[in-house]
Amino acid sequence: MHYAGLLYRALNPVYAREPLSGEGARRYGGRFNPKGMPALYTSQSVMTAIREANQIGTLQPTTLAAYEADVGPIFDTTDPAALGEEGITAEQLAADDWRLKMLADGKAPTQALAERLKAAGYAGMQVRSFAKGATGHDLNLVLWVWGAQSPTRLRLVDDEGRLG
């Protein structure tokens, strides 16, 4: 699939000056990227972005950013047939023990999936949010490849230069 439209991220203010870096995900790894692989975790709605950034405890200070995206190809994990072809299930995507598997095995199954998809030429994946309160309509786009040019164009919306 191809995604064109707005995306959102709720950033820790510490990282707000580098909203396109993917450095935190590269450094620590995430559900859909192993350590060493940069990723931008974005959401297709503002509320989903806020849920994603504040999954533990009470709402913490957050900088909300919007992006204009024109990105592809995107692997759609909401398509059960596509998941089946990759040998992974929706339950494996949602498994909350991915950190434990990453520590025990070096990579969680979802991180291995991300590596395979990126190697196959995908710029990212569309995946439902697993944050508390999210429904099947709350969708994220996890990007592994992005830049200023098509087919992986991602532009921060900061027309007034507020982030410096």
Protein backbone atom coordinates (compact mmCIF):
# COMPACT_ATOMS: atom_id res chain seq x y z
CA MET A 1 0.00 0.00 0.00
CA HIS A 2 0.92 3.66 -0.25
CA TYR A 3 0.18 6.26 2.45
CA ALA A 4 -0.45 9.92 1.65
CA GLY A 5 -1.74 12.25 4.34
CA LEU A 6 -0.97 13.61 7.75
CA LEU A 7 0.82 11.65 10.46
CA TYR A 8 1.42 12.60 14.09
CA ARG A 9 3.98 11.96 16.82
CA ALA A 10 3.81 12.86 20.48
CA LEU A 11 7.46 13.39 21.37
CA ASN A 12 9.25 13.58 24.66
CA PRO A 13 10.25 17.28 24.76
CA VAL A 14 13.89 16.19 25.20
CA TYR A 15 13.81 14.88 21.60
CA ALA A 16 11.50 17.51 20.09
CA ARG A 17 14.34 19.42 18.40
CA GLU A 18 15.07 16.35 16.25
CA PRO A 19 11.58 15.19 15.24
CA LEU A 20 12.85 13.31 12.16
CA SER A 21 15.81 11.50 13.71
CA GLY A 22 14.53 8.05 14.73
CA GLU A 23 17.52 7.99 17.08
CA GLY A 24 15.69 6.85 20.20
CA ALA A 25 14.25 3.84 18.38
CA ARG A 26 17.66 3.06 16.86
CA ARG A 27 19.37 3.26 20.22
CA TYR A 28 16.90 1.22 22.27
CA GLY A 29 14.86 -0.81 19.80
CA GLY A 30 11.09 -0.90 19.67
CA ARG A 31 8.30 -3.37 19.05
CA PHE A 32 8.84 -3.01 15.28
CA ASN A 33 12.57 -2.27 15.01
CA PRO A 34 15.59 -3.98 16.56
CA LYS A 35 18.37 -2.01 18.19
CA GLY A 36 20.52 -0.38 15.52
CA MET A 37 17.63 0.14 13.07
CA PRO A 38 16.21 3.69 13.06
CA ALA A 39 12.42 4.01 13.06
CA LEU A 40 9.81 6.71 13.34
CA TYR A 41 6.69 5.61 15.18
CA THR A 42 3.88 7.78 13.86
CA SER A 43 0.10 7.67 14.22
CA GLN A 44 -2.70 8.44 11.84
CA SER A 45 -4.60 10.46 14.46
CA VAL A 46 -3.63 12.92 17.18
CA MET A 47 -5.29 10.91 19.96
CA THR A 48 -3.54 7.71 18.91
CA ALA A 49 -0.20 9.54 19.01
CA ILE A 50 -0.90 10.78 22.53
CA ARG A 51 -1.95 7.28 23.68
CA GLU A 52 1.20 5.79 22.18
CA ALA A 53 3.53 8.28 23.87
CA ASN A 54 1.94 7.98 27.29
CA GLN A 55 1.32 4.27 27.82
CA ILE A 56 2.54 4.15 31.40
CA GLY A 57 1.09 6.27 34.17
CA THR A 58 -0.32 9.76 33.89
CA LEU A 59 0.11 12.08 30.90
CA GLN A 60 3.65 13.42 30.85
CA PRO A 61 4.89 16.58 29.09
CA THR A 62 4.62 15.95 25.36
CA THR A 63 5.40 17.85 22.17
CA LEU A 64 2.93 17.05 19.41
CA ALA A 65 4.23 17.17 15.84
CA ALA A 66 2.48 16.72 12.50
CA TYR A 67 4.04 15.43 9.28
CA GLU A 68 2.95 15.47 5.66
CA ALA A 69 3.59 12.00 4.35
CA ASP A 70 3.73 10.50 0.88
CA VAL A 71 5.34 7.17 1.62
CA GLY A 72 5.44 3.74 0.08
CA PRO A 73 5.51 0.90 -0.15
CA ILE A 74 3.92 0.23 3.22
CA PHE A 75 3.22 -3.27 4.51
CA ASP A 76 -0.34 -3.46 5.84
CA THR A 77 -0.51 -5.65 8.95
CA THR A 78 -4.28 -5.16 9.09
CA ASP A 79 -4.48 -7.55 6.11
CA PRO A 80 -4.63 -11.10 7.57
CA ALA A 81 -3.56 -12.67 4.25
CA ALA A 82 -0.43 -10.49 4.08
CA LEU A 83 0.43 -11.40 7.68
CA GLY A 84 -0.03 -15.08 6.89
CA GLU A 85 2.38 -14.81 3.95
CA GLU A 86 4.97 -13.40 6.37
CA GLY A 87 4.38 -16.23 8.84
CA ILE A 88 3.17 -14.02 11.67
CA THR A 89 -0.18 -13.63 13.38
CA ALA A 90 -2.09 -10.66 14.74
CA GLU A 91 -1.59 -12.15 18.22
CA GLN A 92 2.19 -12.09 17.75
CA LEU A 93 2.02 -8.43 16.69
CA ALA A 94 0.08 -7.62 19.87
CA ALA A 95 2.19 -9.71 22.26
CA ASP A 96 3.23 -7.55 25.18
CA ASP A 97 6.28 -9.68 25.95
CA TRP A 98 8.30 -8.40 22.98
CA ARG A 99 10.86 -6.73 25.29
CA LEU A 100 11.44 -9.96 27.19
CA LYS A 101 11.90 -11.85 23.91
CA MET A 102 14.32 -9.17 22.70
CA LEU A 103 16.37 -9.56 25.88
CA ALA A 104 16.26 -13.36 25.83
CA ASP A 105 16.71 -14.00 22.09
CA GLY A 106 18.34 -10.80 20.84
CA LYS A 107 15.25 -9.96 18.76
CA ALA A 108 11.52 -10.23 19.19
CA PRO A 109 9.55 -11.86 16.35
CA THR A 110 8.10 -8.44 15.48
CA GLN A 111 11.60 -6.99 15.17
CA ALA A 112 12.66 -9.84 12.87
CA LEU A 113 9.55 -9.15 10.78
CA ALA A 114 10.56 -5.49 10.48
CA GLU A 115 14.03 -6.46 9.26
CA ARG A 116 12.58 -8.83 6.65
CA LEU A 117 10.11 -6.24 5.40
CA LYS A 118 12.72 -3.50 5.17
CA ALA A 119 15.07 -5.86 3.30
CA ALA A 120 12.18 -6.64 0.91
CA GLY A 121 11.90 -2.93 0.07
CA TYR A 122 9.13 -1.74 2.38
CA ALA A 123 9.54 1.77 3.80
CA GLY A 124 7.40 0.86 6.81
CA MET A 125 4.31 -0.86 8.11
CA GLN A 126 0.78 0.09 9.03
CA VAL A 127 -0.20 -1.51 12.32
CA ARG A 128 -2.96 -1.02 14.83
CA SER A 129 -2.15 0.65 18.11
CA PHE A 130 -1.79 -1.61 21.12
CA ALA A 131 -1.80 1.29 23.60
CA LYS A 132 -4.33 1.27 26.44
CA GLY A 133 -7.71 2.50 25.22
CA ALA A 134 -6.91 1.97 21.53
CA THR A 135 -9.34 0.23 19.20
CA GLY A 136 -8.86 -1.45 15.84
CA HIS A 137 -9.44 1.96 14.24
CA ASP A 138 -6.36 3.48 15.92
CA LEU A 139 -3.60 3.00 13.36
CA ASN A 140 0.11 3.68 13.41
CA LEU A 141 2.64 3.91 10.63
CA VAL A 142 6.10 2.73 11.65
CA LEU A 143 8.66 4.02 9.16
CA TRP A 144 12.13 2.56 8.59
CA VAL A 145 12.88 4.64 5.50
CA TRP A 146 11.96 8.30 5.12
CA GLY A 147 13.39 11.44 3.61
CA ALA A 148 12.71 14.57 1.62
CA GLN A 149 12.04 12.85 -1.73
CA SER A 150 9.46 10.43 -3.14
CA PRO A 151 8.71 7.60 -2.69
CA THR A 152 9.48 8.04 1.02
CA ARG A 153 8.72 11.73 1.49
CA LEU A 154 8.07 12.87 5.04
CA ARG A 155 7.95 16.58 5.88
CA LEU A 156 7.65 18.02 9.36
CA VAL A 157 4.89 20.61 9.52
CA ASP A 158 6.69 23.54 11.17
CA ASP A 159 5.99 26.43 8.84
CA GLU A 160 6.65 28.98 11.59
CA GLY A 161 9.97 27.41 12.64
CA ARG A 162 8.82 26.74 16.19
CA LEU A 163 11.25 23.85 16.70
CA GLY A 164 14.22 25.99 15.67
